[in-house]
C-alpha atoms as a PDB file:
ATOM      1  CA  MET A   1       0.335   0.026  -0.074  1.00  0.00           C
ATOM      2  CA  THR A   2       1.301   3.755  -0.628  1.00  0.00           C
ATOM      3  CA  ALA A   3       0.253   6.536   0.724  1.00  0.00           C
ATOM      4  CA  ARG A   4       0.292  10.255  -1.312  1.00  0.00           C
ATOM      5  CA  ILE A   5       2.153  13.160  -0.343  1.00  0.00           C
ATOM      6  CA  ASN A   6       2.084  16.360  -2.697  1.00  0.00           C
ATOM      7  CA  ASN A   7       2.064  14.023  -5.422  1.00  0.00           C
ATOM      8  CA  ILE A   8       5.096  11.778  -4.322  1.00  0.00           C
ATOM      9  CA  TYR A   9       4.037   8.275  -3.464  1.00  0.00           C
ATOM     10  CA  THR A  10       5.638   6.488   0.064  1.00  0.00           C
ATOM     11  CA  GLN A  11       5.111   2.995   1.118  1.00  0.00           C
ATOM     12  CA  LYS A  12       2.052   2.594   3.786  1.00  0.00           C
ATOM     13  CA  TYR A  13       3.211   1.033   7.052  1.00  0.00           C
ATOM     14  CA  GLN A  14       0.329   0.068   9.011  1.00  0.00           C
ATOM     15  CA  PRO A  15      -0.647  -1.856  12.270  1.00  0.00           C
ATOM     16  CA  PHE A  16       0.403  -5.489  12.412  1.00  0.00           C
ATOM     17  CA  ILE A  17      -2.068  -6.414  14.942  1.00  0.00           C
ATOM     18  CA  LYS A  18      -5.962  -5.617  15.523  1.00  0.00           C
ATOM     19  CA  TRP A  19      -6.832  -3.557  18.603  1.00  0.00           C
ATOM     20  CA  VAL A  20      -9.917  -2.607  19.998  1.00  0.00           C
ATOM     21  CA  GLY A  21     -10.024   1.404  19.922  1.00  0.00           C
ATOM     22  CA  GLY A  22      -7.675   1.453  17.590  1.00  0.00           C
ATOM     23  CA  LYS A  23      -7.301   4.838  15.121  1.00  0.00           C
ATOM     24  CA  ARG A  24      -7.137   3.336  11.740  1.00  0.00           C
ATOM     25  CA  GLY A  25     -10.635   4.460  10.698  1.00  0.00           C
ATOM     26  CA  LEU A  26     -10.223   7.957  12.109  1.00  0.00           C
ATOM     27  CA  LEU A  27      -6.894   8.871  10.458  1.00  0.00           C
ATOM     28  CA  SER A  28      -8.402  11.286   7.965  1.00  0.00           C
ATOM     29  CA  GLN A  29     -10.253  12.955  10.903  1.00  0.00           C
ATOM     30  CA  LEU A  30      -7.214  13.294  13.036  1.00  0.00           C
ATOM     31  CA  ARG A  31      -4.665  14.423  10.685  1.00  0.00           C
ATOM     32  CA  GLU A  32      -6.070  17.369  10.115  1.00  0.00           C
ATOM     33  CA  HIS A  33      -5.199  18.217  13.717  1.00  0.00           C
ATOM     34  CA  PHE A  34      -1.317  17.001  13.494  1.00  0.00           C
ATOM     35  CA  PRO A  35       0.950  19.927  14.015  1.00  0.00           C
ATOM     36  CA  GLN A  36       2.677  21.068  10.659  1.00  0.00           C
ATOM     37  CA  LYS A  37       5.947  20.963  12.414  1.00  0.00           C
ATOM     38  CA  PHE A  38       7.055  19.655  15.624  1.00  0.00           C
ATOM     39  CA  GLY A  39       9.708  18.047  17.235  1.00  0.00           C
ATOM     40  CA  ASN A  40      10.257  14.572  18.243  1.00  0.00           C
ATOM     41  CA  TYR A  41       7.162  12.127  19.089  1.00  0.00           C
ATOM     42  CA  HIS A  42       5.842  10.079  21.964  1.00  0.00           C
ATOM     43  CA  GLU A  43       3.142   8.131  22.272  1.00  0.00           C
ATOM     44  CA  PRO A  44       2.582   6.504  25.751  1.00  0.00           C
ATOM     45  CA  PHE A  45      -0.939   4.448  25.206  1.00  0.00           C
ATOM     46  CA  LEU A  46       0.868   2.802  22.095  1.00  0.00           C
ATOM     47  CA  GLY A  47      -1.884  -0.097  21.108  1.00  0.00           C
ATOM     48  CA  GLY A  48      -1.764  -0.914  17.874  1.00  0.00           C
ATOM     49  CA  GLY A  49       0.300   2.204  17.050  1.00  0.00           C
ATOM     50  CA  ALA A  50      -2.106   3.622  14.022  1.00  0.00           C
ATOM     51  CA  ILE A  51      -1.016   7.010  14.749  1.00  0.00           C
ATOM     52  CA  PHE A  52       2.856   6.370  14.806  1.00  0.00           C
ATOM     53  CA  PHE A  53       2.477   4.304  11.824  1.00  0.00           C
ATOM     54  CA  GLU A  54       0.733   7.273   9.865  1.00  0.00           C
ATOM     55  CA  LEU A  55       2.942   9.685  10.735  1.00  0.00           C
ATOM     56  CA  TYR A  56       5.981   7.515   9.682  1.00  0.00           C
ATOM     57  CA  SER A  57       4.152   6.824   6.305  1.00  0.00           C
ATOM     58  CA  LEU A  58       3.677  10.655   5.673  1.00  0.00           C
ATOM     59  CA  GLY A  59       7.571  10.845   6.663  1.00  0.00           C
ATOM     60  CA  CYS A  60       6.561  13.113   9.520  1.00  0.00           C
ATOM     61  CA  LEU A  61       8.898  11.065  11.767  1.00  0.00           C
ATOM     62  CA  LYS A  62      12.181  11.490   9.718  1.00  0.00           C
ATOM     63  CA  ASP A  63      15.275  12.533  11.677  1.00  0.00           C
ATOM     64  CA  LYS A  64      13.230  12.556  14.643  1.00  0.00           C
ATOM     65  CA  LYS A  65      13.026  10.735  18.141  1.00  0.00           C
ATOM     66  CA  VAL A  66      10.320   8.521  18.339  1.00  0.00           C
ATOM     67  CA  TYR A  67       9.293   7.357  22.072  1.00  0.00           C
ATOM     68  CA  LEU A  68       6.663   4.546  22.398  1.00  0.00           C
ATOM     69  CA  SER A  69       5.135   3.117  25.237  1.00  0.00           C
ATOM     70  CA  ASP A  70       2.591   1.211  26.769  1.00  0.00           C
ATOM     71  CA  ILE A  71       1.902  -0.548  30.239  1.00  0.00           C
ATOM     72  CA  ASN A  72       1.165  -3.730  28.552  1.00  0.00           C
ATOM     73  CA  SER A  73       4.342  -5.663  28.946  1.00  0.00           C
ATOM     74  CA  GLU A  74       3.219  -8.761  26.645  1.00  0.00           C
ATOM     75  CA  LEU A  75       2.399  -5.868  23.834  1.00  0.00           C
ATOM     76  CA  ILE A  76       5.836  -3.924  24.002  1.00  0.00           C
ATOM     77  CA  ASN A  77       7.656  -7.366  24.020  1.00  0.00           C
ATOM     78  CA  THR A  78       5.791  -7.984  20.813  1.00  0.00           C
ATOM     79  CA  TYR A  79       6.792  -4.730  19.463  1.00  0.00           C
ATOM     80  CA  ASN A  80      10.197  -5.128  20.170  1.00  0.00           C
ATOM     81  CA  VAL A  81      10.272  -8.599  18.910  1.00  0.00           C
ATOM     82  CA  VAL A  82       8.800  -7.430  15.306  1.00  0.00           C
ATOM     83  CA  LYS A  83      11.703  -4.624  15.398  1.00  0.00           C
ATOM     84  CA  ASN A  84      14.800  -6.687  16.050  1.00  0.00           C
ATOM     85  CA  ASN A  85      13.881 -10.340  14.930  1.00  0.00           C
ATOM     86  CA  PRO A  86      10.867 -10.249  12.392  1.00  0.00           C
ATOM     87  CA  ILE A  87      11.803 -13.457  10.375  1.00  0.00           C
ATOM     88  CA  ASP A  88      12.088 -15.984  13.003  1.00  0.00           C
ATOM     89  CA  LEU A  89       8.921 -14.436  14.363  1.00  0.00           C
ATOM     90  CA  ILE A  90       7.133 -15.130  10.882  1.00  0.00           C
ATOM     91  CA  GLU A  91       8.441 -18.439  11.082  1.00  0.00           C
ATOM     92  CA  ASN A  92       6.531 -19.284  14.256  1.00  0.00           C
ATOM     93  CA  LEU A  93       3.462 -17.714  13.106  1.00  0.00           C
ATOM     94  CA  GLU A  94       3.364 -20.102   9.819  1.00  0.00           C
ATOM     95  CA  LYS A  95       3.570 -22.741  12.557  1.00  0.00           C
ATOM     96  CA  TYR A  96       0.869 -21.820  14.572  1.00  0.00           C
ATOM     97  CA  LYS A  97      -1.088 -21.301  11.323  1.00  0.00           C
ATOM     98  CA  THR A  98      -0.692 -25.338  10.566  1.00  0.00           C
ATOM     99  CA  GLN A  99      -1.882 -25.867  14.012  1.00  0.00           C
ATOM    100  CA  HIS A 100      -4.888 -23.656  14.853  1.00  0.00           C
ATOM    101  CA  SER A 101      -7.740 -25.205  15.743  1.00  0.00           C
ATOM    102  CA  LYS A 102     -10.206 -24.305  18.970  1.00  0.00           C
ATOM    103  CA  ASP A 103      -8.382 -26.854  20.793  1.00  0.00           C
ATOM    104  CA  PHE A 104      -4.702 -25.251  19.866  1.00  0.00           C
ATOM    105  CA  PHE A 105      -6.262 -21.965  20.846  1.00  0.00           C
ATOM    106  CA  TYR A 106      -7.124 -22.410  24.361  1.00  0.00           C
ATOM    107  CA  LYS A 107      -4.022 -24.445  24.609  1.00  0.00           C
ATOM    108  CA  ILE A 108      -1.951 -21.616  23.545  1.00  0.00           C
ATOM    109  CA  ARG A 109      -4.321 -18.973  25.531  1.00  0.00           C
ATOM    110  CA  ALA A 110      -3.415 -20.912  28.875  1.00  0.00           C
ATOM    111  CA  LEU A 111       0.215 -20.530  28.624  1.00  0.00           C
ATOM    112  CA  ASP A 112       0.094 -17.454  31.094  1.00  0.00           C
ATOM    113  CA  ARG A 113      -1.537 -19.442  33.744  1.00  0.00           C
ATOM    114  CA  GLU A 114       1.613 -21.806  33.940  1.00  0.00           C
ATOM    115  CA  GLU A 115       4.310 -20.964  36.611  1.00  0.00           C
ATOM    116  CA  ASN A 116       7.149 -20.947  34.277  1.00  0.00           C
ATOM    117  CA  PHE A 117       5.483 -18.560  31.729  1.00  0.00           C
ATOM    118  CA  SER A 118       7.272 -15.421  32.767  1.00  0.00           C
ATOM    119  CA  SER A 119      10.613 -17.281  31.674  1.00  0.00           C
ATOM    120  CA  THR A 120       9.099 -18.231  28.067  1.00  0.00           C
ATOM    121  CA  SER A 121      11.347 -16.611  25.397  1.00  0.00           C
ATOM    122  CA  LYS A 122      10.781 -13.314  23.926  1.00  0.00           C
ATOM    123  CA  LEU A 123       9.993 -14.936  20.696  1.00  0.00           C
ATOM    124  CA  ASP A 124       7.693 -17.218  21.742  1.00  0.00           C
ATOM    125  CA  ARG A 125       5.765 -14.875  23.827  1.00  0.00           C
ATOM    126  CA  ALA A 126       5.500 -12.515  21.019  1.00  0.00           C
ATOM    127  CA  THR A 127       4.245 -15.570  18.710  1.00  0.00           C
ATOM    128  CA  ARG A 128       1.735 -16.186  21.127  1.00  0.00           C
ATOM    129  CA  PHE A 129       0.335 -12.544  21.450  1.00  0.00           C
ATOM    130  CA  ILE A 130      -0.148 -12.604  17.300  1.00  0.00           C
ATOM    131  CA  TYR A 131      -1.513 -15.400  17.125  1.00  0.00           C
ATOM    132  CA  LEU A 132      -4.458 -15.160  19.901  1.00  0.00           C
ATOM    133  CA  ASN A 133      -4.802 -11.576  18.535  1.00  0.00           C
ATOM    134  CA  LYS A 134      -5.554 -12.569  15.036  1.00  0.00           C
ATOM    135  CA  THR A 135      -7.589 -15.357  16.037  1.00  0.00           C
ATOM    136  CA  CYS A 136      -9.370 -13.946  19.503  1.00  0.00           C
ATOM    137  CA  PHE A 137     -13.349 -12.506  19.469  1.00  0.00           C
ATOM    138  CA  ASN A 138     -12.443  -9.480  17.382  1.00  0.00           C
ATOM    139  CA  GLY A 139      -9.218  -8.888  18.416  1.00  0.00           C
ATOM    140  CA  LEU A 140     -10.069  -7.945  21.892  1.00  0.00           C
ATOM    141  CA  TYR A 141      -7.416  -7.787  24.625  1.00  0.00           C
ATOM    142  CA  ARG A 142      -8.757  -8.834  27.797  1.00  0.00           C
ATOM    143  CA  VAL A 143      -7.537 -10.029  31.342  1.00  0.00           C
ATOM    144  CA  ASN A 144      -9.005 -11.004  34.579  1.00  0.00           C
ATOM    145  CA  LYS A 145      -8.186  -9.455  37.822  1.00  0.00           C
ATOM    146  CA  LYS A 146      -4.996 -12.201  37.989  1.00  0.00           C
ATOM    147  CA  GLY A 147      -3.413 -10.789  34.720  1.00  0.00           C
ATOM    148  CA  TYR A 148      -4.682 -13.671  32.364  1.00  0.00           C
ATOM    149  CA  PHE A 149      -5.944 -13.491  28.851  1.00  0.00           C
ATOM    150  CA  ASN A 150      -9.439 -14.622  28.883  1.00  0.00           C
ATOM    151  CA  THR A 151     -11.169 -13.317  25.456  1.00  0.00           C
ATOM    152  CA  PRO A 152     -12.817 -16.354  23.609  1.00  0.00           C
ATOM    153  CA  ILE A 153     -11.860 -17.892  20.476  1.00  0.00           C
ATOM    154  CA  GLY A 154     -13.052 -15.728  17.404  1.00  0.00           C
ATOM    155  CA  SER A 155     -15.576 -17.635  14.793  1.00  0.00           C
ATOM    156  CA  TYR A 156     -12.932 -16.708  11.534  1.00  0.00           C
ATOM    157  CA  LYS A 157     -13.098 -19.241   9.139  1.00  0.00           C
ATOM    158  CA  ASN A 158      -9.261 -18.033   7.751  1.00  0.00           C
ATOM    159  CA  PRO A 159      -7.642 -15.695  10.171  1.00  0.00           C
ATOM    160  CA  ASN A 160      -4.986 -14.100   8.838  1.00  0.00           C
ATOM    161  CA  ILE A 161      -2.569 -15.507  11.110  1.00  0.00           C
ATOM    162  CA  VAL A 162       0.872 -14.615   9.246  1.00  0.00           C
ATOM    163  CA  ASP A 163       0.883 -11.074   8.128  1.00  0.00           C
ATOM    164  CA  ARG A 164       4.283 -11.179   6.442  1.00  0.00           C
ATOM    165  CA  ASN A 165       4.592  -8.111   4.597  1.00  0.00           C
ATOM    166  CA  THR A 166       3.154  -5.863   7.248  1.00  0.00           C
ATOM    167  CA  ILE A 167       5.182  -7.114   9.556  1.00  0.00           C
ATOM    168  CA  LEU A 168       8.284  -6.792   7.715  1.00  0.00           C
ATOM    169  CA  SER A 169       7.266  -2.834   6.668  1.00  0.00           C
ATOM    170  CA  ALA A 170       6.692  -2.607  10.446  1.00  0.00           C
ATOM    171  CA  SER A 171       9.894  -3.692  11.426  1.00  0.00           C
ATOM    172  CA  MET A 172      11.449  -1.223   9.236  1.00  0.00           C
ATOM    173  CA  ALA A 173       9.478   1.531  10.480  1.00  0.00           C
ATOM    174  CA  LEU A 174      10.325   0.567  14.529  1.00  0.00           C
ATOM    175  CA  GLU A 175      14.191   0.627  13.395  1.00  0.00           C
ATOM    176  CA  ASN A 176      15.071   3.337  15.375  1.00  0.00           C
ATOM    177  CA  ALA A 177      12.256   4.111  17.754  1.00  0.00           C
ATOM    178  CA  THR A 178      12.732   3.409  21.783  1.00  0.00           C
ATOM    179  CA  ILE A 179      10.289   0.863  22.755  1.00  0.00           C
ATOM    180  CA  SER A 180       9.464   0.671  26.447  1.00  0.00           C
ATOM    181  CA  ASN A 181       7.357  -1.093  28.895  1.00  0.00           C
ATOM    182  CA  ASN A 182       6.106   2.352  30.994  1.00  0.00           C
ATOM    183  CA  THR A 183       3.574   4.002  32.224  1.00  0.00           C
ATOM    184  CA  PHE A 184       2.179   7.293  30.453  1.00  0.00           C
ATOM    185  CA  SER A 185       3.257   9.259  33.302  1.00  0.00           C
ATOM    186  CA  LYS A 186       7.283   8.589  32.197  1.00  0.00           C
ATOM    187  CA  VAL A 187       6.603  10.509  28.890  1.00  0.00           C
ATOM    188  CA  LYS A 188       7.691  13.499  30.989  1.00  0.00           C
ATOM    189  CA  ASP A 189      10.939  12.292  31.370  1.00  0.00           C
ATOM    190  CA  ASN A 190      11.415  12.898  27.504  1.00  0.00           C
ATOM    191  CA  ALA A 191       9.175  15.314  26.177  1.00  0.00           C
ATOM    192  CA  LYS A 192      10.426  18.776  25.618  1.00  0.00           C
ATOM    193  CA  GLN A 193       8.929  22.036  23.899  1.00  0.00           C
ATOM    194  CA  ASN A 194       7.552  21.675  20.525  1.00  0.00           C
ATOM    195  CA  ASP A 195       7.541  17.681  20.912  1.00  0.00           C
ATOM    196  CA  LEU A 196       4.152  15.782  19.874  1.00  0.00           C
ATOM    197  CA  VAL A 197       2.762  13.806  22.425  1.00  0.00           C
ATOM    198  CA  TYR A 198      -0.494  11.479  21.354  1.00  0.00           C
ATOM    199  CA  PHE A 199      -2.334   9.894  24.087  1.00  0.00           C
ATOM    200  CA  ASP A 200      -5.264   7.007  23.629  1.00  0.00           C
ATOM    201  CA  PRO A 201      -5.813   5.681  26.651  1.00  0.00           C
ATOM    202  CA  PRO A 202      -8.421   3.081  27.858  1.00  0.00           C
ATOM    203  CA  TYR A 203     -11.653   5.770  27.452  1.00  0.00           C
ATOM    204  CA  TYR A 204     -13.652   6.681  30.227  1.00  0.00           C
ATOM    205  CA  PRO A 205     -16.928   4.408  29.900  1.00  0.00           C
ATOM    206  CA  LEU A 206     -19.806   6.007  28.545  1.00  0.00           C
ATOM    207  CA  THR A 207     -22.366   3.996  31.519  1.00  0.00           C
ATOM    208  CA  GLU A 208     -21.460   2.241  34.382  1.00  0.00           C
ATOM    209  CA  ILE A 209     -22.020  -1.298  32.563  1.00  0.00           C
ATOM    210  CA  ALA A 210     -19.988   0.080  29.725  1.00  0.00           C
ATOM    211  CA  ASN A 211     -16.463  -0.799  31.105  1.00  0.00           C
ATOM    212  CA  PHE A 212     -16.643  -4.280  29.980  1.00  0.00           C
ATOM    213  CA  THR A 213     -12.857  -4.664  29.510  1.00  0.00           C
ATOM    214  CA  SER A 214      -9.947  -4.699  31.262  1.00  0.00           C
ATOM    215  CA  TYR A 215      -6.854  -4.022  29.436  1.00  0.00           C
ATOM    216  CA  SER A 216      -4.783  -4.561  32.245  1.00  0.00           C
ATOM    217  CA  LYS A 217      -5.977  -5.529  35.518  1.00  0.00           C
ATOM    218  CA  ASP A 218      -6.260  -2.671  36.616  1.00  0.00           C
ATOM    219  CA  ASN A 219      -8.872  -0.377  35.579  1.00  0.00           C
ATOM    220  CA  PHE A 220      -8.685   2.994  34.243  1.00  0.00           C
ATOM    221  CA  LEU A 221     -11.005   5.012  35.708  1.00  0.00           C
ATOM    222  CA  ASP A 222     -11.708   8.338  37.421  1.00  0.00           C
ATOM    223  CA  GLU A 223      -8.256   8.809  39.356  1.00  0.00           C
ATOM    224  CA  LYS A 224      -6.083   7.744  36.678  1.00  0.00           C
ATOM    225  CA  GLN A 225      -7.896   9.872  34.172  1.00  0.00           C
ATOM    226  CA  LYS A 226      -7.069  12.602  36.723  1.00  0.00           C
ATOM    227  CA  GLU A 227      -3.500  11.755  36.721  1.00  0.00           C
ATOM    228  CA  LEU A 228      -3.323  11.729  33.119  1.00  0.00           C
ATOM    229  CA  PHE A 229      -5.305  15.265  32.789  1.00  0.00           C
ATOM    230  CA  ASN A 230      -2.638  16.537  35.317  1.00  0.00           C
ATOM    231  CA  VAL A 231       0.336  14.684  32.903  1.00  0.00           C
ATOM    232  CA  PHE A 232      -1.640  16.138  29.856  1.00  0.00           C
ATOM    233  CA  ASP A 233      -1.534  19.857  31.917  1.00  0.00           C
ATOM    234  CA  SER A 234       2.064  19.796  32.909  1.00  0.00           C
ATOM    235  CA  LEU A 235       2.988  19.122  29.433  1.00  0.00           C
ATOM    236  CA  SER A 236       1.084  21.588  27.860  1.00  0.00           C
ATOM    237  CA  GLN A 237       2.802  24.145  30.343  1.00  0.00           C
ATOM    238  CA  THR A 238       5.886  22.751  28.654  1.00  0.00           C
ATOM    239  CA  GLY A 239       4.944  23.736  25.075  1.00  0.00           C
ATOM    240  CA  CYS A 240       4.419  20.449  23.988  1.00  0.00           C
ATOM    241  CA  HIS A 241       2.113  19.679  20.857  1.00  0.00           C
ATOM    242  CA  ILE A 242      -0.781  17.395  22.499  1.00  0.00           C
ATOM    243  CA  LEU A 243      -3.449  15.222  21.051  1.00  0.00           C
ATOM    244  CA  HIS A 244      -5.605  13.148  23.292  1.00  0.00           C
ATOM    245  CA  SER A 245      -8.299  10.854  22.103  1.00  0.00           C
ATOM    246  CA  ASN A 246     -11.180  10.136  24.870  1.00  0.00           C
ATOM    247  CA  SER A 247     -15.145   9.015  25.068  1.00  0.00           C
ATOM    248  CA  ASP A 248     -17.615  12.279  24.482  1.00  0.00           C
ATOM    249  CA  THR A 249     -18.834  12.469  28.183  1.00  0.00           C
ATOM    250  CA  LYS A 250     -19.552  15.036  30.931  1.00  0.00           C
ATOM    251  CA  PHE A 251     -16.749  13.894  33.099  1.00  0.00           C
ATOM    252  CA  ILE A 252     -13.621  14.187  30.180  1.00  0.00           C
ATOM    253  CA  LYS A 253     -15.408  17.281  28.852  1.00  0.00           C
ATOM    254  CA  GLU A 254     -15.331  18.851  32.348  1.00  0.00           C
ATOM    255  CA  LEU A 255     -12.012  17.637  32.982  1.00  0.00           C
ATOM    256  CA  TYR A 256     -10.501  18.982  30.294  1.00  0.00           C
ATOM    257  CA  LYS A 257     -12.714  22.504  29.757  1.00  0.00           C
ATOM    258  CA  GLU A 258      -9.715  24.845  29.880  1.00  0.00           C
ATOM    259  CA  HIS A 259      -8.324  23.335  26.286  1.00  0.00           C
ATOM    260  CA  THR A 260      -9.649  23.011  22.937  1.00  0.00           C
ATOM    261  CA  ILE A 261     -12.293  19.803  22.521  1.00  0.00           C
ATOM    262  CA  HIS A 262     -12.975  18.828  19.068  1.00  0.00           C
ATOM    263  CA  ILE A 263     -15.783  16.391  18.309  1.00  0.00           C
ATOM    264  CA  VAL A 264     -14.962  13.519  15.817  1.00  0.00           C
ATOM    265  CA  LYS A 265     -17.301  10.899  14.904  1.00  0.00           C
ATOM    266  CA  ALA A 266     -15.894   6.855  15.113  1.00  0.00           C
ATOM    267  CA  ASN A 267     -17.403   3.546  14.431  1.00  0.00           C
ATOM    268  CA  ARG A 268     -18.141   1.216  17.364  1.00  0.00           C
ATOM    269  CA  PHE A 269     -18.052  -2.208  16.743  1.00  0.00           C
ATOM    270  CA  ILE A 270     -17.358  -3.804  20.456  1.00  0.00           C
ATOM    271  CA  ASN A 271     -20.905  -4.002  21.363  1.00  0.00           C
ATOM    272  CA  SER A 272     -23.365  -7.611  21.905  1.00  0.00           C
ATOM    273  CA  LYS A 273     -25.977  -5.954  20.822  1.00  0.00           C
ATOM    274  CA  SER A 274     -26.348  -4.682  17.007  1.00  0.00           C
ATOM    275  CA  THR A 275     -28.077  -1.543  18.073  1.00  0.00           C
ATOM    276  CA  GLY A 276     -25.199  -0.550  20.465  1.00  0.00           C
ATOM    277  CA  ARG A 277     -22.721  -0.377  17.065  1.00  0.00           C
ATOM    278  CA  GLY A 278     -22.355   2.217  14.681  1.00  0.00           C
ATOM    279  CA  LYS A 279     -21.190   6.042  14.642  1.00  0.00           C
ATOM    280  CA  ILE A 280     -20.487   7.385  17.952  1.00  0.00           C
ATOM    281  CA  ASN A 281     -19.036  10.455  19.142  1.00  0.00           C
ATOM    282  CA  GLU A 282     -15.273  10.788  20.333  1.00  0.00           C
ATOM    283  CA  VAL A 283     -13.385  13.746  21.799  1.00  0.00           C
ATOM    284  CA  LEU A 284     -10.045  14.544  20.459  1.00  0.00           C
ATOM    285  CA  ILE A 285      -8.393  17.201  22.745  1.00  0.00           C
ATOM    286  CA  LYS A 286      -5.544  19.731  21.949  1.00  0.00           C
ATOM    287  CA  ALA A 287      -3.450  21.895  24.291  1.00  0.00           C
ATOM    288  CA  LYS A 288      -5.250  25.415  24.921  1.00  0.00           C
ATOM    289  CA  ASN A 289      -1.560  26.936  24.006  1.00  0.00           C
ATOM    290  CA  ASP A 290      -1.420  25.132  20.716  1.00  0.00           C
ATOM    291  CA  ASN A 291      -2.619  26.969  17.712  1.00  0.00           C
END
């Protein structure tokens, strides 16, 4: 795939995993809010990395330092394996593809219940992560309170377990990126004036029953959202360009009322009832001093 910039075609880099809440469907709306010029780039809720890959495809990250991080250690391990060891990863996924079945899925899913899981090789953990992502229900990353992955198998006839070209191009894009397993507050350690920071946290629930997934074993509710606001506000005073995606709720809009709030339209796919799917408002928040 290619991206077109000023009549010049460049390679299109894209996420190598599916991610609930990923921003691929919102890129056309978000792109207009990217600053024309900025320093280094920081994305502390990495997820599928759609914004990073879009900026890289557009040539916006050339000669810039890139800091990508997430609290999900299995996700970050997978990014580092894609970056450093894509060929062996692809070979492992080919083996998983030949064994794919319902029994094999649940066997692989259960590995994190074993005592020696933490000593499993980085390559094998990354293979497991991508395999489960491509074969579980809607690519939903969900863990229980013990931190065990518990999303059921999806109903795919031919899941795209081995996306060779996407993995290889992602490895190229990640070559010079610093990828770390950190909480979002660590972004303050490296972010400087004129840098671009994109926050895409677990969204604040629209209703009390809407918070049906756990991205990690700790929920991201009021106190975490307030902590994130303090980081956002601090970076704003530093002079960073900041974009922050979240749900269109009274809580979030009140929290960020001193900053600039834009409404974007997103597709909702994760819902048990078809009436709960379709277009929904989200907010994109920009720092008040970012013109």
